[in-house]
């Protein structure tokens, strides 16, 4: 639960860093038409650093008393901004089918909107499936950012397919869990 920790703490700084890295990542991704090998490797490194900050800001907030309402609000925005910009950028470059981007973003924005709508009820926390989905999505996007070809590109496609399946399954699970929790809460009131 968000506490009264100072807003200017390391966890929130990492969250802010993730937001700052998004336009830098996009610049590298689209550099020279988006297909310059060195720029794509740089984009991958920026994406990797930004993705890793997501893991550490949460650990710091939970384990070292750095949780704040600001962080609880901005962290999911930073996450969705990074993932959304990455997916849209890859689709704009023709590297990722648009249906994958639309499906993943629809699920992510839908779950985020549901969480925000129910924030006062403190309904359903992230599940292990949701955490696995996040990791697999990040790995899949990272692989698509890299200039891979042949068998390595097929690995990226398979990992993205797994990410899509996890996205759909965990989205449905979250929706069903939320409905069950709301019904149980309403019966108990």
C-alpha atoms as a PDB file:
ATOM      1  CA  UNK A   1       0.000   0.000   0.000  1.00  0.00           C
ATOM      2  CA  UNK A   2       1.353   3.452  -0.827  1.00  0.00           C
ATOM      3  CA  UNK A   3       2.664   5.208   2.228  1.00  0.00           C
ATOM      4  CA  UNK A   4       3.960   8.582   3.228  1.00  0.00           C
ATOM      5  CA  UNK A   5       7.502   8.163   1.905  1.00  0.00           C
ATOM      6  CA  UNK A   6       9.096  11.194   0.277  1.00  0.00           C
ATOM      7  CA  UNK A   7       8.127  11.601  -3.359  1.00  0.00           C
ATOM      8  CA  UNK A   8      11.775  12.248  -4.296  1.00  0.00           C
ATOM      9  CA  UNK A   9      13.024   8.754  -3.520  1.00  0.00           C
ATOM     10  CA  UNK A  10      15.005   6.260  -5.589  1.00  0.00           C
ATOM     11  CA  UNK A  11      11.956   4.173  -6.535  1.00  0.00           C
ATOM     12  CA  UNK A  12      10.157   7.200  -7.985  1.00  0.00           C
ATOM     13  CA  UNK A  13      13.339   8.439  -9.667  1.00  0.00           C
ATOM     14  CA  UNK A  14      13.613   5.076 -11.469  1.00  0.00           C
ATOM     15  CA  UNK A  15       9.972   5.355 -12.531  1.00  0.00           C
ATOM     16  CA  UNK A  16      10.661   8.853 -13.848  1.00  0.00           C
ATOM     17  CA  UNK A  17      13.782   7.610 -15.624  1.00  0.00           C
ATOM     18  CA  UNK A  18      11.656   5.031 -17.443  1.00  0.00           C
ATOM     19  CA  UNK A  19       9.438   7.834 -18.753  1.00  0.00           C
ATOM     20  CA  UNK A  20      12.446   9.939 -19.786  1.00  0.00           C
ATOM     21  CA  UNK A  21      13.980   6.991 -21.657  1.00  0.00           C
ATOM     22  CA  UNK A  22      10.909   6.470 -23.871  1.00  0.00           C
ATOM     23  CA  UNK A  23      11.575   9.325 -26.346  1.00  0.00           C
ATOM     24  CA  UNK A  24      15.295   8.483 -26.384  1.00  0.00           C
ATOM     25  CA  UNK A  25      14.410   4.859 -27.159  1.00  0.00           C
ATOM     26  CA  UNK A  26      12.084   5.977 -29.961  1.00  0.00           C
ATOM     27  CA  UNK A  27      14.768   8.221 -31.441  1.00  0.00           C
ATOM     28  CA  UNK A  28      17.187   5.289 -31.569  1.00  0.00           C
ATOM     29  CA  UNK A  29      14.496   2.921 -32.889  1.00  0.00           C
ATOM     30  CA  UNK A  30      13.556   5.242 -35.772  1.00  0.00           C
ATOM     31  CA  UNK A  31      17.080   6.515 -36.460  1.00  0.00           C
ATOM     32  CA  UNK A  32      17.910   6.448 -40.178  1.00  0.00           C
ATOM     33  CA  UNK A  33      14.560   4.929 -41.126  1.00  0.00           C
ATOM     34  CA  UNK A  34      14.525   2.409 -38.306  1.00  0.00           C
ATOM     35  CA  UNK A  35      16.726  -0.222 -39.866  1.00  0.00           C
ATOM     36  CA  UNK A  36      20.230   0.878 -38.929  1.00  0.00           C
ATOM     37  CA  UNK A  37      21.856  -1.986 -37.020  1.00  0.00           C
ATOM     38  CA  UNK A  38      23.851   0.042 -34.494  1.00  0.00           C
ATOM     39  CA  UNK A  39      20.876   2.274 -33.725  1.00  0.00           C
ATOM     40  CA  UNK A  40      18.650  -0.772 -33.183  1.00  0.00           C
ATOM     41  CA  UNK A  41      21.180  -2.262 -30.753  1.00  0.00           C
ATOM     42  CA  UNK A  42      21.289   1.084 -28.924  1.00  0.00           C
ATOM     43  CA  UNK A  43      17.461   1.127 -28.892  1.00  0.00           C
ATOM     44  CA  UNK A  44      17.502  -2.394 -27.448  1.00  0.00           C
ATOM     45  CA  UNK A  45      19.931  -1.340 -24.691  1.00  0.00           C
ATOM     46  CA  UNK A  46      17.744   1.644 -23.791  1.00  0.00           C
ATOM     47  CA  UNK A  47      14.647  -0.575 -23.779  1.00  0.00           C
ATOM     48  CA  UNK A  48      16.443  -3.122 -21.575  1.00  0.00           C
ATOM     49  CA  UNK A  49      17.513  -0.470 -19.049  1.00  0.00           C
ATOM     50  CA  UNK A  50      14.008   1.014 -18.991  1.00  0.00           C
ATOM     51  CA  UNK A  51      12.452  -2.435 -18.508  1.00  0.00           C
ATOM     52  CA  UNK A  52      14.851  -3.279 -15.688  1.00  0.00           C
ATOM     53  CA  UNK A  53      13.953  -0.053 -13.861  1.00  0.00           C
ATOM     54  CA  UNK A  54      10.397  -1.400 -13.661  1.00  0.00           C
ATOM     55  CA  UNK A  55      11.594  -4.358 -11.619  1.00  0.00           C
ATOM     56  CA  UNK A  56      13.781  -2.332  -9.297  1.00  0.00           C
ATOM     57  CA  UNK A  57      11.409   0.549  -8.614  1.00  0.00           C
ATOM     58  CA  UNK A  58       8.793  -1.907  -7.394  1.00  0.00           C
ATOM     59  CA  UNK A  59      11.257  -3.818  -5.207  1.00  0.00           C
ATOM     60  CA  UNK A  60      12.553  -0.607  -3.651  1.00  0.00           C
ATOM     61  CA  UNK A  61       9.064   0.742  -3.049  1.00  0.00           C
ATOM     62  CA  UNK A  62       7.817  -2.447  -1.388  1.00  0.00           C
ATOM     63  CA  UNK A  63      10.904  -3.532   0.544  1.00  0.00           C
ATOM     64  CA  UNK A  64      12.395  -0.224   1.638  1.00  0.00           C
ATOM     65  CA  UNK A  65       9.381   1.882   2.525  1.00  0.00           C
ATOM     66  CA  UNK A  66       9.537   3.976  -0.636  1.00  0.00           C
ATOM     67  CA  UNK A  67       5.939   3.373  -1.739  1.00  0.00           C
ATOM     68  CA  UNK A  68       4.064   6.593  -2.460  1.00  0.00           C
ATOM     69  CA  UNK A  69       0.720   7.465  -4.007  1.00  0.00           C
ATOM     70  CA  UNK A  70       2.690   9.254  -6.728  1.00  0.00           C
ATOM     71  CA  UNK A  71       4.636   6.080  -7.521  1.00  0.00           C
ATOM     72  CA  UNK A  72       1.524   3.900  -7.413  1.00  0.00           C
ATOM     73  CA  UNK A  73      -0.118   6.234  -9.931  1.00  0.00           C
ATOM     74  CA  UNK A  74       2.859   6.988 -12.222  1.00  0.00           C
ATOM     75  CA  UNK A  75       4.429   3.491 -12.338  1.00  0.00           C
ATOM     76  CA  UNK A  76       1.674   1.888 -14.449  1.00  0.00           C
ATOM     77  CA  UNK A  77       1.658   4.964 -16.703  1.00  0.00           C
ATOM     78  CA  UNK A  78       5.417   4.617 -17.221  1.00  0.00           C
ATOM     79  CA  UNK A  79       5.014   0.885 -17.908  1.00  0.00           C
ATOM     80  CA  UNK A  80       2.247   1.377 -20.467  1.00  0.00           C
ATOM     81  CA  UNK A  81       4.079   4.296 -22.091  1.00  0.00           C
ATOM     82  CA  UNK A  82       7.214   2.201 -22.611  1.00  0.00           C
ATOM     83  CA  UNK A  83       5.350  -0.868 -23.857  1.00  0.00           C
ATOM     84  CA  UNK A  84       2.920   1.149 -25.967  1.00  0.00           C
ATOM     85  CA  UNK A  85       5.620   3.258 -27.610  1.00  0.00           C
ATOM     86  CA  UNK A  86       7.691   0.141 -28.307  1.00  0.00           C
ATOM     87  CA  UNK A  87       4.833  -1.837 -29.826  1.00  0.00           C
ATOM     88  CA  UNK A  88       3.528   1.076 -31.895  1.00  0.00           C
ATOM     89  CA  UNK A  89       7.044   1.918 -33.071  1.00  0.00           C
ATOM     90  CA  UNK A  90       7.723  -1.664 -34.149  1.00  0.00           C
ATOM     91  CA  UNK A  91       4.400  -1.807 -35.996  1.00  0.00           C
ATOM     92  CA  UNK A  92       5.051   1.543 -37.695  1.00  0.00           C
ATOM     93  CA  UNK A  93       8.364   0.146 -38.938  1.00  0.00           C
ATOM     94  CA  UNK A  94       6.591  -2.957 -40.258  1.00  0.00           C
ATOM     95  CA  UNK A  95       8.474  -5.254 -37.886  1.00  0.00           C
ATOM     96  CA  UNK A  96       5.454  -6.304 -35.826  1.00  0.00           C
ATOM     97  CA  UNK A  97       1.923  -6.914 -37.132  1.00  0.00           C
ATOM     98  CA  UNK A  98      -0.530  -4.215 -36.060  1.00  0.00           C
ATOM     99  CA  UNK A  99      -3.007  -6.782 -34.728  1.00  0.00           C
ATOM    100  CA  UNK A 100      -0.427  -7.834 -32.109  1.00  0.00           C
ATOM    101  CA  UNK A 101       0.047  -4.223 -31.022  1.00  0.00           C
ATOM    102  CA  UNK A 102      -3.704  -3.550 -30.891  1.00  0.00           C
ATOM    103  CA  UNK A 103      -4.423  -6.756 -28.963  1.00  0.00           C
ATOM    104  CA  UNK A 104      -1.696  -6.191 -26.360  1.00  0.00           C
ATOM    105  CA  UNK A 105      -2.474  -2.498 -25.902  1.00  0.00           C
ATOM    106  CA  UNK A 106      -6.218  -3.143 -25.640  1.00  0.00           C
ATOM    107  CA  UNK A 107      -5.603  -5.653 -22.849  1.00  0.00           C
ATOM    108  CA  UNK A 108      -3.075  -3.447 -21.060  1.00  0.00           C
ATOM    109  CA  UNK A 109      -5.185  -0.305 -21.230  1.00  0.00           C
ATOM    110  CA  UNK A 110      -8.346  -2.229 -20.315  1.00  0.00           C
ATOM    111  CA  UNK A 111      -6.795  -3.769 -17.201  1.00  0.00           C
ATOM    112  CA  UNK A 112      -5.219  -0.437 -16.234  1.00  0.00           C
ATOM    113  CA  UNK A 113      -8.554   1.371 -16.651  1.00  0.00           C
ATOM    114  CA  UNK A 114     -10.270  -1.312 -14.569  1.00  0.00           C
ATOM    115  CA  UNK A 115      -7.638  -1.001 -11.845  1.00  0.00           C
ATOM    116  CA  UNK A 116      -7.955   2.785 -11.780  1.00  0.00           C
ATOM    117  CA  UNK A 117     -11.759   2.575 -11.671  1.00  0.00           C
ATOM    118  CA  UNK A 118     -11.610   0.160  -8.740  1.00  0.00           C
ATOM    119  CA  UNK A 119      -8.590   1.634  -6.946  1.00  0.00           C
ATOM    120  CA  UNK A 120     -10.611   2.590  -3.865  1.00  0.00           C
ATOM    121  CA  UNK A 121     -11.886  -0.973  -3.511  1.00  0.00           C
ATOM    122  CA  UNK A 122      -8.340  -2.359  -3.676  1.00  0.00           C
ATOM    123  CA  UNK A 123      -9.765  -5.222  -5.702  1.00  0.00           C
ATOM    124  CA  UNK A 124      -7.253  -7.557  -7.363  1.00  0.00           C
ATOM    125  CA  UNK A 125      -3.448  -7.367  -7.112  1.00  0.00           C
ATOM    126  CA  UNK A 126      -1.157  -8.448  -9.926  1.00  0.00           C
ATOM    127  CA  UNK A 127      -1.016 -12.218 -10.311  1.00  0.00           C
ATOM    128  CA  UNK A 128       2.030 -14.357 -11.003  1.00  0.00           C
ATOM    129  CA  UNK A 129       0.580 -14.919 -14.468  1.00  0.00           C
ATOM    130  CA  UNK A 130       0.458 -11.162 -14.978  1.00  0.00           C
ATOM    131  CA  UNK A 131       4.057 -10.808 -13.831  1.00  0.00           C
ATOM    132  CA  UNK A 132       5.140 -13.626 -16.168  1.00  0.00           C
ATOM    133  CA  UNK A 133       3.213 -11.948 -18.993  1.00  0.00           C
ATOM    134  CA  UNK A 134       5.061  -8.689 -18.343  1.00  0.00           C
ATOM    135  CA  UNK A 135       8.466 -10.392 -18.459  1.00  0.00           C
ATOM    136  CA  UNK A 136       7.644 -12.366 -21.617  1.00  0.00           C
ATOM    137  CA  UNK A 137       6.270  -9.224 -23.302  1.00  0.00           C
ATOM    138  CA  UNK A 138       9.455  -7.320 -22.455  1.00  0.00           C
ATOM    139  CA  UNK A 139      11.669 -10.136 -23.764  1.00  0.00           C
ATOM    140  CA  UNK A 140       9.566 -10.440 -26.934  1.00  0.00           C
ATOM    141  CA  UNK A 141       9.650  -6.698 -27.606  1.00  0.00           C
ATOM    142  CA  UNK A 142      13.377  -6.621 -26.898  1.00  0.00           C
ATOM    143  CA  UNK A 143      13.939  -9.419 -29.406  1.00  0.00           C
ATOM    144  CA  UNK A 144      11.887  -7.567 -32.023  1.00  0.00           C
ATOM    145  CA  UNK A 145      13.882  -4.384 -31.418  1.00  0.00           C
ATOM    146  CA  UNK A 146      17.126  -6.234 -32.140  1.00  0.00           C
ATOM    147  CA  UNK A 147      18.015  -6.606 -35.840  1.00  0.00           C
ATOM    148  CA  UNK A 148      17.602 -10.395 -35.899  1.00  0.00           C
ATOM    149  CA  UNK A 149      17.198 -12.606 -38.952  1.00  0.00           C
ATOM    150  CA  UNK A 150      16.783 -16.270 -39.790  1.00  0.00           C
ATOM    151  CA  UNK A 151      16.431 -18.667 -36.874  1.00  0.00           C
ATOM    152  CA  UNK A 152      16.912 -15.891 -34.306  1.00  0.00           C
ATOM    153  CA  UNK A 153      14.018 -13.948 -35.823  1.00  0.00           C
ATOM    154  CA  UNK A 154      11.892 -17.097 -35.526  1.00  0.00           C
ATOM    155  CA  UNK A 155      12.782 -17.240 -31.825  1.00  0.00           C
ATOM    156  CA  UNK A 156      11.487 -13.665 -31.525  1.00  0.00           C
ATOM    157  CA  UNK A 157       8.257 -14.651 -33.298  1.00  0.00           C
ATOM    158  CA  UNK A 158       7.729 -17.645 -30.987  1.00  0.00           C
ATOM    159  CA  UNK A 159       8.392 -15.570 -27.852  1.00  0.00           C
ATOM    160  CA  UNK A 160       5.960 -12.905 -29.122  1.00  0.00           C
ATOM    161  CA  UNK A 161       3.347 -15.618 -29.762  1.00  0.00           C
ATOM    162  CA  UNK A 162       3.767 -16.783 -26.163  1.00  0.00           C
ATOM    163  CA  UNK A 163       3.440 -13.157 -25.017  1.00  0.00           C
ATOM    164  CA  UNK A 164       0.201 -12.788 -26.994  1.00  0.00           C
ATOM    165  CA  UNK A 165      -1.265 -15.972 -25.473  1.00  0.00           C
ATOM    166  CA  UNK A 166      -0.262 -14.888 -21.951  1.00  0.00           C
ATOM    167  CA  UNK A 167      -1.696 -11.423 -22.623  1.00  0.00           C
ATOM    168  CA  UNK A 168      -5.096 -12.849 -23.582  1.00  0.00           C
ATOM    169  CA  UNK A 169      -5.217 -15.512 -20.853  1.00  0.00           C
ATOM    170  CA  UNK A 170      -4.154 -13.176 -18.034  1.00  0.00           C
ATOM    171  CA  UNK A 171      -6.507 -10.459 -19.287  1.00  0.00           C
ATOM    172  CA  UNK A 172      -9.459 -12.844 -19.144  1.00  0.00           C
ATOM    173  CA  UNK A 173      -8.304 -14.160 -15.755  1.00  0.00           C
ATOM    174  CA  UNK A 174      -8.016 -10.619 -14.359  1.00  0.00           C
ATOM    175  CA  UNK A 175     -11.480  -9.711 -15.622  1.00  0.00           C
ATOM    176  CA  UNK A 176     -13.066 -12.863 -14.165  1.00  0.00           C
ATOM    177  CA  UNK A 177     -11.228 -12.429 -10.837  1.00  0.00           C
ATOM    178  CA  UNK A 178     -12.392  -8.832 -10.629  1.00  0.00           C
ATOM    179  CA  UNK A 179     -16.014  -9.787 -11.306  1.00  0.00           C
ATOM    180  CA  UNK A 180     -15.851 -12.535  -8.641  1.00  0.00           C
ATOM    181  CA  UNK A 181     -14.304 -10.152  -6.108  1.00  0.00           C
ATOM    182  CA  UNK A 182     -16.899  -7.449  -6.766  1.00  0.00           C
ATOM    183  CA  UNK A 183     -19.731  -9.969  -6.380  1.00  0.00           C
ATOM    184  CA  UNK A 184     -18.232 -11.275  -3.127  1.00  0.00           C
ATOM    185  CA  UNK A 185     -17.766  -7.736  -1.809  1.00  0.00           C
ATOM    186  CA  UNK A 186     -21.322  -6.758  -2.741  1.00  0.00           C
ATOM    187  CA  UNK A 187     -22.723  -9.854  -1.015  1.00  0.00           C
ATOM    188  CA  UNK A 188     -20.724  -9.053   2.103  1.00  0.00           C
ATOM    189  CA  UNK A 189     -21.942  -5.435   2.275  1.00  0.00           C
END
